[in-house]
Protein backbone atom coordinates (compact mmCIF):
# COMPACT_ATOMS: atom_id res chain seq x y z
CA MET A 1 -13.62 59.74 115.52
CA LYS A 2 -13.01 62.43 112.70
CA ILE A 3 -13.56 60.94 109.55
CA HIS A 4 -12.11 62.41 106.60
CA GLY A 5 -12.67 60.37 103.64
CA LEU A 6 -15.58 57.71 102.37
CA MET A 7 -15.84 55.06 99.73
CA LYS A 8 -18.58 53.67 99.52
CA MET A 9 -18.19 50.93 97.59
CA THR A 10 -14.89 49.50 96.37
CA LEU A 11 -14.20 45.61 94.73
CA LEU A 12 -10.79 46.37 95.02
CA ASP A 13 -9.34 47.32 98.28
CA PHE A 14 -10.61 44.06 100.31
CA PRO A 15 -9.16 40.98 98.53
CA GLY A 16 -12.68 38.65 98.05
CA GLN A 17 -14.93 41.38 99.74
CA VAL A 18 -17.24 44.53 98.69
CA ALA A 19 -16.38 47.33 101.33
CA CYS A 20 -16.24 50.75 101.78
CA THR A 21 -12.84 52.10 102.32
CA VAL A 22 -12.73 55.00 105.75
CA PHE A 23 -10.08 57.64 105.51
CA LEU A 24 -8.59 59.06 108.53
CA GLY A 25 -6.29 62.01 108.70
CA GLY A 26 -2.71 62.18 109.99
CA CYS A 27 0.64 60.21 109.06
CA ASP A 28 4.05 59.88 110.44
CA MET A 29 5.69 59.74 107.25
CA ARG A 30 6.23 62.21 104.51
CA CYS A 31 6.64 59.66 101.21
CA PRO A 32 6.89 62.25 98.19
CA PHE A 33 4.67 59.82 95.86
CA CYS A 34 1.93 59.90 98.56
CA HIS A 35 -1.18 59.96 96.90
CA ASN A 36 -3.11 60.54 100.17
CA SER A 37 -0.73 64.39 100.95
CA GLU A 38 -4.37 66.06 102.35
CA LEU A 39 -4.18 63.32 104.32
CA LEU A 40 -0.86 63.58 105.91
CA ASP A 41 -2.27 66.17 109.06
CA MET A 42 -5.52 66.23 111.07
CA ASN A 43 -6.33 69.67 108.64
CA ALA A 44 -8.28 67.76 105.93
CA PRO A 45 -12.47 68.44 106.02
CA GLU A 46 -14.30 66.18 107.66
CA VAL A 47 -16.78 63.91 106.08
CA MET A 48 -18.46 62.40 109.00
CA ASP A 49 -17.80 60.60 112.81
CA GLU A 50 -17.83 57.65 113.71
CA ASN A 51 -21.81 57.66 114.36
CA GLU A 52 -22.48 58.81 110.47
CA LEU A 53 -20.55 55.55 109.69
CA TYR A 54 -22.41 53.72 112.07
CA ASP A 55 -25.61 55.17 110.72
CA PHE A 56 -24.72 54.44 107.08
CA LEU A 57 -23.26 50.80 107.73
CA SER A 58 -26.47 50.13 108.71
CA LYS A 59 -28.19 51.07 105.72
CA ARG A 60 -25.56 48.80 103.94
CA LYS A 61 -25.90 45.81 105.66
CA GLY A 62 -26.57 42.87 102.80
CA LEU A 63 -24.61 44.99 100.02
CA LEU A 64 -21.57 45.32 101.74
CA ASP A 65 -19.37 42.76 103.42
CA GLY A 66 -16.24 44.62 104.68
CA VAL A 67 -14.63 48.27 105.85
CA VAL A 68 -10.97 49.38 104.87
CA PHE A 69 -9.50 51.53 107.59
CA THR A 70 -6.78 54.00 105.20
CA GLY A 71 -5.17 57.00 105.61
CA GLY A 72 -2.94 59.08 106.55
CA GLU A 73 -1.79 56.30 109.52
CA PRO A 74 -4.86 54.47 110.84
CA LEU A 75 -2.63 53.38 113.71
CA LEU A 76 -2.42 56.26 114.81
CA ARG A 77 -5.64 57.17 116.70
CA LYS A 78 -6.12 55.57 119.87
CA ASP A 79 -9.85 55.67 119.38
CA ILE A 80 -9.49 53.01 116.79
CA ALA A 81 -10.44 49.96 118.53
CA PRO A 82 -13.57 50.42 119.88
CA VAL A 83 -14.84 51.62 116.69
CA MET A 84 -13.65 48.39 114.86
CA GLU A 85 -15.60 46.58 117.73
CA ARG A 86 -18.45 48.64 117.02
CA ILE A 87 -18.14 47.66 113.17
CA ARG A 88 -17.40 43.41 113.79
CA GLY A 89 -20.51 43.50 115.90
CA MET A 90 -22.45 44.91 113.14
CA GLY A 91 -21.02 41.83 111.19
CA TYR A 92 -18.56 43.31 108.93
CA LYS A 93 -15.15 41.82 108.18
CA ILE A 94 -12.40 44.22 108.72
CA LYS A 95 -9.17 45.41 106.56
CA LEU A 96 -6.17 47.45 107.89
CA ASP A 97 -3.33 50.12 105.53
CA THR A 98 -0.61 50.40 107.92
CA ASN A 99 2.78 51.77 107.25
CA GLY A 100 3.88 49.67 109.91
CA ASN A 101 5.31 51.60 112.10
CA HIS A 102 3.66 50.77 115.24
CA PRO A 103 3.73 46.96 115.93
CA ASP A 104 2.30 47.73 119.26
CA ARG A 105 -1.07 48.83 118.38
CA LEU A 106 -1.14 46.63 115.04
CA LYS A 107 -0.58 43.35 117.97
CA GLU A 108 -3.00 44.85 119.66
CA LEU A 109 -5.78 44.59 117.63
CA VAL A 110 -4.77 41.62 115.58
CA GLU A 111 -4.77 39.89 118.97
CA ALA A 112 -8.14 41.05 119.76
CA GLY A 113 -9.51 39.78 117.09
CA LEU A 114 -10.61 43.29 115.15
CA VAL A 115 -9.10 42.62 112.16
CA ASP A 116 -9.59 40.18 109.21
CA TYR A 117 -6.74 41.58 106.84
CA VAL A 118 -3.85 43.93 106.78
CA ALA A 119 -2.24 45.58 103.67
CA MET A 120 1.44 46.87 104.63
CA ASP A 121 3.35 49.34 103.43
CA ILE A 122 7.18 48.25 102.48
CA LYS A 123 9.14 51.77 101.59
CA ASN A 124 12.08 50.44 99.90
CA SER A 125 15.15 48.22 101.16
CA PRO A 126 16.02 49.40 104.83
CA GLU A 127 18.88 51.67 103.67
CA LYS A 128 16.79 53.29 100.96
CA TYR A 129 13.93 54.00 103.93
CA GLY A 130 14.92 57.17 105.39
CA VAL A 131 15.32 58.75 101.86
CA THR A 132 12.21 57.27 100.39
CA ILE A 133 9.31 58.20 103.17
CA GLY A 134 11.07 61.53 103.25
CA LEU A 135 12.47 61.05 107.21
CA PRO A 136 16.51 60.78 106.25
CA ASP A 137 17.32 59.38 109.59
CA PHE A 138 14.25 57.12 110.14
CA ASP A 139 14.73 54.49 112.30
CA THR A 140 13.28 51.33 110.85
CA SER A 141 13.53 49.06 114.19
CA LYS A 142 9.13 49.44 114.46
CA VAL A 143 8.88 48.72 110.80
CA LYS A 144 11.11 45.93 110.64
CA GLU A 145 8.41 44.59 114.18
CA SER A 146 5.19 44.44 112.60
CA VAL A 147 7.07 42.42 109.03
CA GLN A 148 8.24 40.05 111.75
CA PHE A 149 5.10 40.05 113.24
CA LEU A 150 2.81 39.24 110.06
CA LEU A 151 5.28 36.87 108.62
CA GLU A 152 3.74 34.43 111.64
CA GLY A 153 0.82 34.27 109.92
CA LYS A 154 -1.65 35.66 113.17
CA VAL A 155 -3.91 36.85 110.26
CA PRO A 156 -3.71 37.27 106.61
CA TYR A 157 -1.68 40.09 105.32
CA GLU A 158 0.01 41.65 102.23
CA PHE A 159 3.07 43.20 101.86
CA ARG A 160 3.01 46.03 98.77
CA THR A 161 5.80 48.60 97.33
CA THR A 162 4.86 51.53 95.42
CA VAL A 163 7.52 51.74 93.06
CA VAL A 164 8.94 54.67 92.04
CA LYS A 165 11.66 55.10 89.39
CA GLN A 166 13.31 57.63 91.73
CA PHE A 167 13.70 55.57 94.61
CA HIS A 168 13.79 51.73 93.39
CA ASP A 169 16.20 50.30 91.54
CA GLU A 170 17.31 45.96 90.91
CA ASP A 171 19.11 46.34 94.55
CA SER A 172 16.45 47.66 96.19
CA MET A 173 13.96 44.50 95.05
CA ARG A 174 16.93 42.33 96.25
CA LYS A 175 17.03 43.59 99.92
CA ILE A 176 13.03 44.08 100.33
CA ALA A 177 12.98 40.12 98.67
CA GLU A 178 14.92 38.87 101.55
CA TRP A 179 13.20 40.86 103.44
CA ILE A 180 10.61 39.46 103.31
CA SER A 181 11.51 35.80 102.42
CA GLY A 182 8.50 33.93 102.46
CA ALA A 183 5.75 36.46 102.62
CA GLU A 184 2.48 35.15 101.58
CA ARG A 185 1.70 37.82 99.42
CA TYR A 186 3.75 41.13 97.99
CA TYR A 187 2.46 43.16 95.12
CA LEU A 188 4.88 45.43 93.67
CA GLN A 189 2.23 48.35 92.32
CA GLY A 190 2.98 51.59 90.16
CA PHE A 191 3.10 54.83 90.70
CA VAL A 192 0.72 57.16 89.13
CA ASP A 193 1.58 61.03 89.40
CA ARG A 194 -1.80 62.64 91.12
CA GLU A 195 -2.60 66.24 91.69
CA THR A 196 -2.83 65.16 95.15
CA VAL A 197 1.36 64.37 94.99
CA LYS A 198 2.87 67.19 96.44
CA PHE A 199 6.29 66.74 94.37
CA SER A 200 7.30 67.04 90.91
CA GLY A 201 9.02 64.98 88.88
CA LEU A 202 8.72 61.48 89.86
CA GLU A 203 7.67 59.13 87.42
CA ALA A 204 6.56 55.69 87.12
CA CYS A 205 8.68 52.49 86.35
CA SER A 206 8.01 50.80 82.81
CA LYS A 207 6.52 47.26 82.49
CA GLU A 208 9.17 45.76 81.44
CA GLN A 209 11.04 47.08 84.59
CA MET A 210 8.40 46.29 86.64
CA ASN A 211 8.46 42.26 85.05
CA SER A 212 11.85 42.27 85.88
CA PHE A 213 11.76 43.72 89.48
CA LEU A 214 8.91 40.72 89.71
CA GLU A 215 11.14 38.24 88.72
CA ILE A 216 13.87 39.13 91.48
CA VAL A 217 11.10 39.76 93.92
CA LYS A 218 10.12 35.96 93.29
CA SER A 219 13.01 34.29 94.12
CA SER A 220 12.19 34.90 97.73
CA VAL A 221 9.02 35.77 97.90
CA LYS A 222 6.50 33.26 95.45
CA GLY A 223 3.35 35.16 96.39
CA ALA A 224 4.21 38.03 94.19
CA ASP A 225 2.75 39.90 91.89
CA LEU A 226 2.33 43.15 90.02
CA ARG A 227 -0.71 44.85 90.83
CA GLY A 228 -2.22 48.64 88.48
CA VAL A 229 1.14 47.71 85.97
């Protein structure tokens, strides 16, 4: 497995766990506000392979609790299951970050007991999904399938939305809240512009706007909160 980045320790990415974060290149969405745009394809420099990752983790036993797989979109990697299985065998918990467009792979990993926590991005309301992810004709059916699967509660999870002024408004929040009604946890994250964001001119919403959006989604998602605001 080609690994395109490694954060050796984080207290933020995996709730309740001290973890490292593994970055995998390749994504089937083209969100204009993506912070990891250098990972959209497989051309990013490779920092290690899975054997080097195993060596790293063997030396971190007792210091780390878990491993986060993020991207890009990790579920594009057909070889991720055996890597997760090996890491679970080393005693680590696993968190998966996903865009939700691969429900069959998500179900396979969860039902095999290879994932302890899932964070799924909700890019926008279904009506605005395509334009928000840079693919105007995008079919949301697979994303909806992943949402429904997580709502069944077979694995601890969270939904999260990176809020961008140019893409999100009160109507977006109402429709997202209706869509994921009853979710355990949902976070509204403030957009932060960086050099790795390919498109210029995108803006974060004000704290007042974010609080207003939070009140809207709390009507359907009691576990909603702000993150990074």
